[in-house]
Amino acid sequence: QPWVASLPRARNGMLVGPGLLFNRFVSGVVLD
């Protein structure tokens, strides 16, 4: 949704979604 200001990303800018290796997805979410 457009009101999601930021999501977890790697240094190359790629989104890192929720998964079994990276398990702090919500901690990287920024909402407007």
PDB file of all heavy atoms in Angstrom:
ATOM      1  N   GLN A   1       0.831  -1.205   0.000  1.00  0.00           N
ATOM      2  CA  GLN A   1       0.000   0.000   0.000  1.00  0.00           C
ATOM      3  C   GLN A   1       0.871   1.263   0.000  1.00  0.00           C
ATOM      4  O   GLN A   1       1.995   1.253   0.496  1.00  0.00           O
ATOM      5  CB  GLN A   1      -0.919   0.016   1.226  1.00  0.00           C
ATOM      6  CG  GLN A   1      -1.886  -1.155   1.311  1.00  0.00           C
ATOM      7  CD  GLN A   1      -3.025  -1.073   0.298  1.00  0.00           C
ATOM      8  OE1 GLN A   1      -3.003  -0.260  -0.618  1.00  0.00           O
ATOM      9  NE2 GLN A   1      -4.027  -1.932   0.457  1.00  0.00           N
ATOM     10  N   PRO A   2       0.364   2.355  -0.580  1.00  0.00           N
ATOM     11  CA  PRO A   2       1.179   3.575  -0.711  1.00  0.00           C
ATOM     12  C   PRO A   2       1.542   4.218   0.615  1.00  0.00           C
ATOM     13  O   PRO A   2       2.470   5.025   0.664  1.00  0.00           O
ATOM     14  CB  PRO A   2       0.296   4.497  -1.567  1.00  0.00           C
ATOM     15  CG  PRO A   2      -1.087   3.958  -1.454  1.00  0.00           C
ATOM     16  CD  PRO A   2      -0.951   2.484  -1.253  1.00  0.00           C
ATOM     17  N   TRP A   3       0.839   3.898   1.701  1.00  0.00           N
ATOM     18  CA  TRP A   3       1.172   4.515   2.985  1.00  0.00           C
ATOM     19  C   TRP A   3       2.295   3.779   3.718  1.00  0.00           C
ATOM     20  O   TRP A   3       2.671   4.175   4.810  1.00  0.00           O
ATOM     21  CB  TRP A   3      -0.068   4.611   3.871  1.00  0.00           C
ATOM     22  CG  TRP A   3      -0.807   3.327   4.059  1.00  0.00           C
ATOM     23  CD1 TRP A   3      -0.471   2.291   4.857  1.00  0.00           C
ATOM     24  CD2 TRP A   3      -2.016   2.958   3.411  1.00  0.00           C
ATOM     25  NE1 TRP A   3      -1.389   1.281   4.772  1.00  0.00           N
ATOM     26  CE2 TRP A   3      -2.363   1.666   3.889  1.00  0.00           C
ATOM     27  CE3 TRP A   3      -2.863   3.585   2.487  1.00  0.00           C
ATOM     28  CZ2 TRP A   3      -3.513   0.998   3.451  1.00  0.00           C
ATOM     29  CZ3 TRP A   3      -3.999   2.911   2.067  1.00  0.00           C
ATOM     30  CH2 TRP A   3      -4.307   1.642   2.541  1.00  0.00           C
ATOM     31  N   VAL A   4       2.805   2.701   3.135  1.00  0.00           N
ATOM     32  CA  VAL A   4       3.990   2.048   3.704  1.00  0.00           C
ATOM     33  C   VAL A   4       5.211   2.825   3.228  1.00  0.00           C
ATOM     34  O   VAL A   4       5.568   2.781   2.050  1.00  0.00           O
ATOM     35  CB  VAL A   4       4.072   0.568   3.291  1.00  0.00           C
ATOM     36  CG1 VAL A   4       5.329  -0.070   3.853  1.00  0.00           C
ATOM     37  CG2 VAL A   4       2.833  -0.188   3.766  1.00  0.00           C
ATOM     38  N   ALA A   5       5.843   3.549   4.143  1.00  0.00           N
ATOM     39  CA  ALA A   5       6.927   4.452   3.761  1.00  0.00           C
ATOM     40  C   ALA A   5       8.238   3.726   3.530  1.00  0.00           C
ATOM     41  O   ALA A   5       9.071   4.173   2.736  1.00  0.00           O
ATOM     42  CB  ALA A   5       7.105   5.528   4.842  1.00  0.00           C
ATOM     43  N   SER A   6       8.462   2.618   4.229  1.00  0.00           N
ATOM     44  CA  SER A   6       9.743   1.927   4.098  1.00  0.00           C
ATOM     45  C   SER A   6       9.586   0.468   4.479  1.00  0.00           C
ATOM     46  O   SER A   6       8.760   0.111   5.330  1.00  0.00           O
ATOM     47  CB  SER A   6      10.800   2.588   4.992  1.00  0.00           C
ATOM     48  OG  SER A   6      12.061   1.954   4.852  1.00  0.00           O
ATOM     49  N   LEU A   7      10.390  -0.386   3.833  1.00  0.00           N
ATOM     50  CA  LEU A   7      10.422  -1.814   4.110  1.00  0.00           C
ATOM     51  C   LEU A   7      11.878  -2.249   4.243  1.00  0.00           C
ATOM     52  O   LEU A   7      12.788  -1.554   3.769  1.00  0.00           O
ATOM     53  CB  LEU A   7       9.750  -2.594   2.975  1.00  0.00           C
ATOM     54  CG  LEU A   7       8.233  -2.435   2.830  1.00  0.00           C
ATOM     55  CD1 LEU A   7       7.775  -3.014   1.494  1.00  0.00           C
ATOM     56  CD2 LEU A   7       7.496  -3.103   3.981  1.00  0.00           C
ATOM     57  N   PRO A   8      12.143  -3.385   4.878  1.00  0.00           N
ATOM     58  CA  PRO A   8      13.530  -3.842   5.018  1.00  0.00           C
ATOM     59  C   PRO A   8      14.184  -4.086   3.660  1.00  0.00           C
ATOM     60  O   PRO A   8      13.601  -4.754   2.804  1.00  0.00           O
ATOM     61  CB  PRO A   8      13.396  -5.150   5.807  1.00  0.00           C
ATOM     62  CG  PRO A   8      12.068  -5.079   6.474  1.00  0.00           C
ATOM     63  CD  PRO A   8      11.193  -4.289   5.550  1.00  0.00           C
ATOM     64  N   ARG A   9      15.382  -3.564   3.489  1.00  0.00           N
ATOM     65  CA  ARG A   9      16.097  -3.720   2.216  1.00  0.00           C
ATOM     66  C   ARG A   9      17.562  -4.027   2.472  1.00  0.00           C
ATOM     67  O   ARG A   9      18.143  -3.574   3.451  1.00  0.00           O
ATOM     68  CB  ARG A   9      15.976  -2.452   1.364  1.00  0.00           C
ATOM     69  CG  ARG A   9      14.543  -2.146   0.955  1.00  0.00           C
ATOM     70  CD  ARG A   9      14.459  -0.978  -0.026  1.00  0.00           C
ATOM     71  NE  ARG A   9      13.073  -0.655  -0.283  1.00  0.00           N
ATOM     72  CZ  ARG A   9      12.292  -1.302  -1.161  1.00  0.00           C
ATOM     73  NH1 ARG A   9      12.803  -2.290  -1.871  1.00  0.00           N
ATOM     74  NH2 ARG A   9      11.037  -0.952  -1.331  1.00  0.00           N
ATOM     75  N   ALA A  10      18.129  -4.791   1.542  1.00  0.00           N
ATOM     76  CA  ALA A  10      19.559  -5.047   1.573  1.00  0.00           C
ATOM     77  C   ALA A  10      20.303  -3.837   1.020  1.00  0.00           C
ATOM     78  O   ALA A  10      19.700  -2.883   0.528  1.00  0.00           O
ATOM     79  CB  ALA A  10      19.881  -6.302   0.757  1.00  0.00           C
ATOM     80  N   ARG A  11      21.614  -3.873   1.098  1.00  0.00           N
ATOM     81  CA  ARG A  11      22.417  -2.743   0.623  1.00  0.00           C
ATOM     82  C   ARG A  11      22.212  -2.475  -0.861  1.00  0.00           C
ATOM     83  O   ARG A  11      22.356  -1.344  -1.316  1.00  0.00           O
ATOM     84  CB  ARG A  11      23.910  -3.009   0.887  1.00  0.00           C
ATOM     85  CG  ARG A  11      24.283  -3.051   2.361  1.00  0.00           C
ATOM     86  CD  ARG A  11      25.780  -3.171   2.552  1.00  0.00           C
ATOM     87  NE  ARG A  11      26.110  -3.377   3.948  1.00  0.00           N
ATOM     88  CZ  ARG A  11      26.300  -4.558   4.508  1.00  0.00           C
ATOM     89  NH1 ARG A  11      26.175  -5.662   3.771  1.00  0.00           N
ATOM     90  NH2 ARG A  11      26.606  -4.661   5.785  1.00  0.00           N
ATOM     91  N   ASN A  12      21.890  -3.516  -1.618  1.00  0.00           N
ATOM     92  CA  ASN A  12      21.666  -3.332  -3.052  1.00  0.00           C
ATOM     93  C   ASN A  12      20.284  -2.787  -3.370  1.00  0.00           C
ATOM     94  O   ASN A  12      19.910  -2.669  -4.529  1.00  0.00           O
ATOM     95  CB  ASN A  12      21.910  -4.642  -3.803  1.00  0.00           C
ATOM     96  CG  ASN A  12      20.958  -5.757  -3.369  1.00  0.00           C
ATOM     97  OD1 ASN A  12      20.028  -5.537  -2.599  1.00  0.00           O
ATOM     98  ND2 ASN A  12      21.196  -6.955  -3.880  1.00  0.00           N
ATOM     99  N   GLY A  13      19.487  -2.460  -2.323  1.00  0.00           N
ATOM    100  CA  GLY A  13      18.158  -1.899  -2.519  1.00  0.00           C
ATOM    101  C   GLY A  13      17.060  -2.920  -2.652  1.00  0.00           C
ATOM    102  O   GLY A  13      15.881  -2.555  -2.719  1.00  0.00           O
ATOM    103  N   MET A  14      17.409  -4.207  -2.687  1.00  0.00           N
ATOM    104  CA  MET A  14      16.410  -5.254  -2.874  1.00  0.00           C
ATOM    105  C   MET A  14      15.601  -5.467  -1.593  1.00  0.00           C
ATOM    106  O   MET A  14      16.142  -5.498  -0.490  1.00  0.00           O
ATOM    107  CB  MET A  14      17.092  -6.561  -3.261  1.00  0.00           C
ATOM    108  CG  MET A  14      16.137  -7.711  -3.551  1.00  0.00           C
ATOM    109  SD  MET A  14      17.019  -9.260  -3.894  1.00  0.00           S
ATOM    110  CE  MET A  14      17.655  -9.657  -2.256  1.00  0.00           C
ATOM    111  N   LEU A  15      14.292  -5.606  -1.769  1.00  0.00           N
ATOM    112  CA  LEU A  15      13.423  -5.937  -0.648  1.00  0.00           C
ATOM    113  C   LEU A  15      13.810  -7.300  -0.078  1.00  0.00           C
ATOM    114  O   LEU A  15      14.061  -8.243  -0.814  1.00  0.00           O
ATOM    115  CB  LEU A  15      11.964  -5.971  -1.107  1.00  0.00           C
ATOM    116  CG  LEU A  15      10.944  -6.523  -0.101  1.00  0.00           C
ATOM    117  CD1 LEU A  15      10.765  -5.561   1.059  1.00  0.00           C
ATOM    118  CD2 LEU A  15       9.615  -6.806  -0.790  1.00  0.00           C
ATOM    119  N   VAL A  16      13.853  -7.389   1.241  1.00  0.00           N
ATOM    120  CA  VAL A  16      14.056  -8.664   1.920  1.00  0.00           C
ATOM    121  C   VAL A  16      12.759  -8.972   2.660  1.00  0.00           C
ATOM    122  O   VAL A  16      12.437  -8.335   3.664  1.00  0.00           O
ATOM    123  CB  VAL A  16      15.242  -8.618   2.895  1.00  0.00           C
ATOM    124  CG1 VAL A  16      15.445  -9.978   3.550  1.00  0.00           C
ATOM    125  CG2 VAL A  16      16.507  -8.189   2.161  1.00  0.00           C
ATOM    126  N   GLY A  17      11.990  -9.906   2.127  1.00  0.00           N
ATOM    127  CA  GLY A  17      10.681 -10.207   2.678  1.00  0.00           C
ATOM    128  C   GLY A  17      10.745 -11.103   3.893  1.00  0.00           C
ATOM    129  O   GLY A  17      11.821 -11.578   4.289  1.00  0.00           O
ATOM    130  N   PRO A  18       9.605 -11.347   4.529  1.00  0.00           N
ATOM    131  CA  PRO A  18       9.572 -12.230   5.698  1.00  0.00           C
ATOM    132  C   PRO A  18       9.960 -13.640   5.309  1.00  0.00           C
ATOM    133  O   PRO A  18       9.577 -14.142   4.250  1.00  0.00           O
ATOM    134  CB  PRO A  18       8.116 -12.142   6.161  1.00  0.00           C
ATOM    135  CG  PRO A  18       7.349 -11.686   4.959  1.00  0.00           C
ATOM    136  CD  PRO A  18       8.274 -10.833   4.168  1.00  0.00           C
ATOM    137  N   GLY A  19      10.740 -14.292   6.170  1.00  0.00           N
ATOM    138  CA  GLY A  19      11.189 -15.639   5.849  1.00  0.00           C
ATOM    139  C   GLY A  19      11.824 -16.311   7.038  1.00  0.00           C
ATOM    140  O   GLY A  19      11.779 -15.809   8.164  1.00  0.00           O
ATOM    141  N   LEU A  20      12.464 -17.446   6.796  1.00  0.00           N
ATOM    142  CA  LEU A  20      13.054 -18.232   7.871  1.00  0.00           C
ATOM    143  C   LEU A  20      14.477 -17.804   8.195  1.00  0.00           C
ATOM    144  O   LEU A  20      15.005 -18.173   9.244  1.00  0.00           O
ATOM    145  CB  LEU A  20      13.037 -19.721   7.496  1.00  0.00           C
ATOM    146  CG  LEU A  20      11.644 -20.342   7.367  1.00  0.00           C
ATOM    147  CD1 LEU A  20      11.747 -21.798   6.939  1.00  0.00           C
ATOM    148  CD2 LEU A  20      10.875 -20.234   8.681  1.00  0.00           C
ATOM    149  N   LEU A  21      15.117 -17.061   7.317  1.00  0.00           N
ATOM    150  CA  LEU A  21      16.463 -16.569   7.604  1.00  0.00           C
ATOM    151  C   LEU A  21      16.410 -15.164   8.189  1.00  0.00           C
ATOM    152  O   LEU A  21      16.979 -14.893   9.244  1.00  0.00           O
ATOM    153  CB  LEU A  21      17.334 -16.599   6.345  1.00  0.00           C
ATOM    154  CG  LEU A  21      17.515 -17.968   5.679  1.00  0.00           C
ATOM    155  CD1 LEU A  21      18.591 -17.896   4.607  1.00  0.00           C
ATOM    156  CD2 LEU A  21      17.856 -19.052   6.700  1.00  0.00           C
ATOM    157  N   PHE A  22      15.728 -14.262   7.515  1.00  0.00           N
ATOM    158  CA  PHE A  22      15.522 -12.915   8.050  1.00  0.00           C
ATOM    159  C   PHE A  22      14.168 -12.890   8.740  1.00  0.00           C
ATOM    160  O   PHE A  22      13.129 -12.974   8.092  1.00  0.00           O
ATOM    161  CB  PHE A  22      15.582 -11.878   6.929  1.00  0.00           C
ATOM    162  CG  PHE A  22      15.275 -10.476   7.392  1.00  0.00           C
ATOM    163  CD1 PHE A  22      16.053  -9.862   8.347  1.00  0.00           C
ATOM    164  CD2 PHE A  22      14.189  -9.787   6.880  1.00  0.00           C
ATOM    165  CE1 PHE A  22      15.773  -8.571   8.781  1.00  0.00           C
ATOM    166  CE2 PHE A  22      13.896  -8.502   7.300  1.00  0.00           C
ATOM    167  CZ  PHE A  22      14.697  -7.891   8.263  1.00  0.00           C
ATOM    168  N   ASN A  23      14.173 -12.803  10.067  1.00  0.00           N
ATOM    169  CA  ASN A  23      12.924 -12.926  10.814  1.00  0.00           C
ATOM    170  C   ASN A  23      12.559 -11.667  11.585  1.00  0.00           C
ATOM    171  O   ASN A  23      11.802 -11.730  12.553  1.00  0.00           O
ATOM    172  CB  ASN A  23      12.982 -14.130  11.762  1.00  0.00           C
ATOM    173  CG  ASN A  23      14.225 -14.135  12.642  1.00  0.00           C
ATOM    174  OD1 ASN A  23      14.643 -13.100  13.144  1.00  0.00           O
ATOM    175  ND2 ASN A  23      14.823 -15.310  12.822  1.00  0.00           N
ATOM    176  N   ARG A  24      13.081 -10.518  11.157  1.00  0.00           N
ATOM    177  CA  ARG A  24      12.730  -9.252  11.783  1.00  0.00           C
ATOM    178  C   ARG A  24      12.141  -8.291  10.755  1.00  0.00           C
ATOM    179  O   ARG A  24      12.456  -7.113  10.710  1.00  0.00           O
ATOM    180  CB  ARG A  24      13.946  -8.628  12.477  1.00  0.00           C
ATOM    181  CG  ARG A  24      14.322  -9.322  13.767  1.00  0.00           C
ATOM    182  CD  ARG A  24      13.261  -9.117  14.833  1.00  0.00           C
ATOM    183  NE  ARG A  24      13.494  -9.903  16.032  1.00  0.00           N
ATOM    184  CZ  ARG A  24      12.970 -11.098  16.259  1.00  0.00           C
ATOM    185  NH1 ARG A  24      12.166 -11.650  15.360  1.00  0.00           N
ATOM    186  NH2 ARG A  24      13.216 -11.748  17.364  1.00  0.00           N
ATOM    187  N   PHE A  25      11.268  -8.833   9.903  1.00  0.00           N
ATOM    188  CA  PHE A  25      10.684  -8.043   8.827  1.00  0.00           C
ATOM    189  C   PHE A  25       9.882  -6.863   9.374  1.00  0.00           C
ATOM    190  O   PHE A  25      10.050  -5.721   8.923  1.00  0.00           O
ATOM    191  CB  PHE A  25       9.787  -8.936   7.965  1.00  0.00           C
ATOM    192  CG  PHE A  25       9.091  -8.209   6.856  1.00  0.00           C
ATOM    193  CD1 PHE A  25       9.767  -7.846   5.712  1.00  0.00           C
ATOM    194  CD2 PHE A  25       7.743  -7.878   6.955  1.00  0.00           C
ATOM    195  CE1 PHE A  25       9.132  -7.163   4.684  1.00  0.00           C
ATOM    196  CE2 PHE A  25       7.102  -7.206   5.950  1.00  0.00           C
ATOM    197  CZ  PHE A  25       7.794  -6.841   4.808  1.00  0.00           C
ATOM    198  N   VAL A  26       9.019  -7.103  10.351  1.00  0.00           N
ATOM    199  CA  VAL A  26       8.152  -6.036  10.860  1.00  0.00           C
ATOM    200  C   VAL A  26       8.974  -4.922  11.499  1.00  0.00           C
ATOM    201  O   VAL A  26       8.596  -3.754  11.451  1.00  0.00           O
ATOM    202  CB  VAL A  26       7.136  -6.617  11.858  1.00  0.00           C
ATOM    203  CG1 VAL A  26       6.252  -5.519  12.450  1.00  0.00           C
ATOM    204  CG2 VAL A  26       6.255  -7.652  11.167  1.00  0.00           C
ATOM    205  N   SER A  27      10.111  -5.285  12.060  1.00  0.00           N
ATOM    206  CA  SER A  27      10.958  -4.275  12.693  1.00  0.00           C
ATOM    207  C   SER A  27      11.513  -3.273  11.687  1.00  0.00           C
ATOM    208  O   SER A  27      11.929  -2.173  12.077  1.00  0.00           O
ATOM    209  CB  SER A  27      12.112  -4.957  13.438  1.00  0.00           C
ATOM    210  OG  SER A  27      11.610  -5.820  14.442  1.00  0.00           O
ATOM    211  N   GLY A  28      11.529  -3.638  10.415  1.00  0.00           N
ATOM    212  CA  GLY A  28      12.016  -2.726   9.389  1.00  0.00           C
ATOM    213  C   GLY A  28      10.927  -1.972   8.656  1.00  0.00           C
ATOM    214  O   GLY A  28      11.201  -1.256   7.694  1.00  0.00           O
ATOM    215  N   VAL A  29       9.672  -2.133   9.092  1.00  0.00           N
ATOM    216  CA  VAL A  29       8.540  -1.474   8.439  1.00  0.00           C
ATOM    217  C   VAL A  29       8.351  -0.075   9.025  1.00  0.00           C
ATOM    218  O   VAL A  29       8.338   0.105  10.244  1.00  0.00           O
ATOM    219  CB  VAL A  29       7.252  -2.294   8.615  1.00  0.00           C
ATOM    220  CG1 VAL A  29       6.042  -1.517   8.109  1.00  0.00           C
ATOM    221  CG2 VAL A  29       7.372  -3.629   7.882  1.00  0.00           C
ATOM    222  N   VAL A  30       8.196   0.909   8.144  1.00  0.00           N
ATOM    223  CA  VAL A  30       7.883   2.278   8.561  1.00  0.00           C
ATOM    224  C   VAL A  30       6.584   2.676   7.871  1.00  0.00           C
ATOM    225  O   VAL A  30       6.470   2.570   6.640  1.00  0.00           O
ATOM    226  CB  VAL A  30       9.007   3.267   8.199  1.00  0.00           C
ATOM    227  CG1 VAL A  30       8.615   4.693   8.588  1.00  0.00           C
ATOM    228  CG2 VAL A  30      10.306   2.874   8.893  1.00  0.00           C
ATOM    229  N   LEU A  31       5.615   3.105   8.655  1.00  0.00           N
ATOM    230  CA  LEU A  31       4.328   3.531   8.116  1.00  0.00           C
ATOM    231  C   LEU A  31       4.201   5.043   8.209  1.00  0.00           C
ATOM    232  O   LEU A  31       4.750   5.672   9.113  1.00  0.00           O
ATOM    233  CB  LEU A  31       3.182   2.878   8.903  1.00  0.00           C
ATOM    234  CG  LEU A  31       3.156   1.349   8.928  1.00  0.00           C
ATOM    235  CD1 LEU A  31       2.072   0.866   9.875  1.00  0.00           C
ATOM    236  CD2 LEU A  31       2.922   0.798   7.529  1.00  0.00           C
ATOM    237  N   ASP A  32       3.482   5.613   7.261  1.00  0.00           N
ATOM    238  CA  ASP A  32       3.184   7.044   7.294  1.00  0.00           C
ATOM    239  C   ASP A  32       2.126   7.271   8.368  1.00  0.00           C
ATOM    240  O   ASP A  32       0.966   6.894   8.218  1.00  0.00           O
ATOM    241  CB  ASP A  32       2.667   7.499   5.926  1.00  0.00           C
ATOM    242  CG  ASP A  32       2.519   9.014   5.840  1.00  0.00           C
ATOM    243  OD1 ASP A  32       2.293   9.651   6.888  1.00  0.00           O
ATOM    244  OD2 ASP A  32       2.609   9.538   4.725  1.00  0.00           O
TER     245      ASP A  32
END
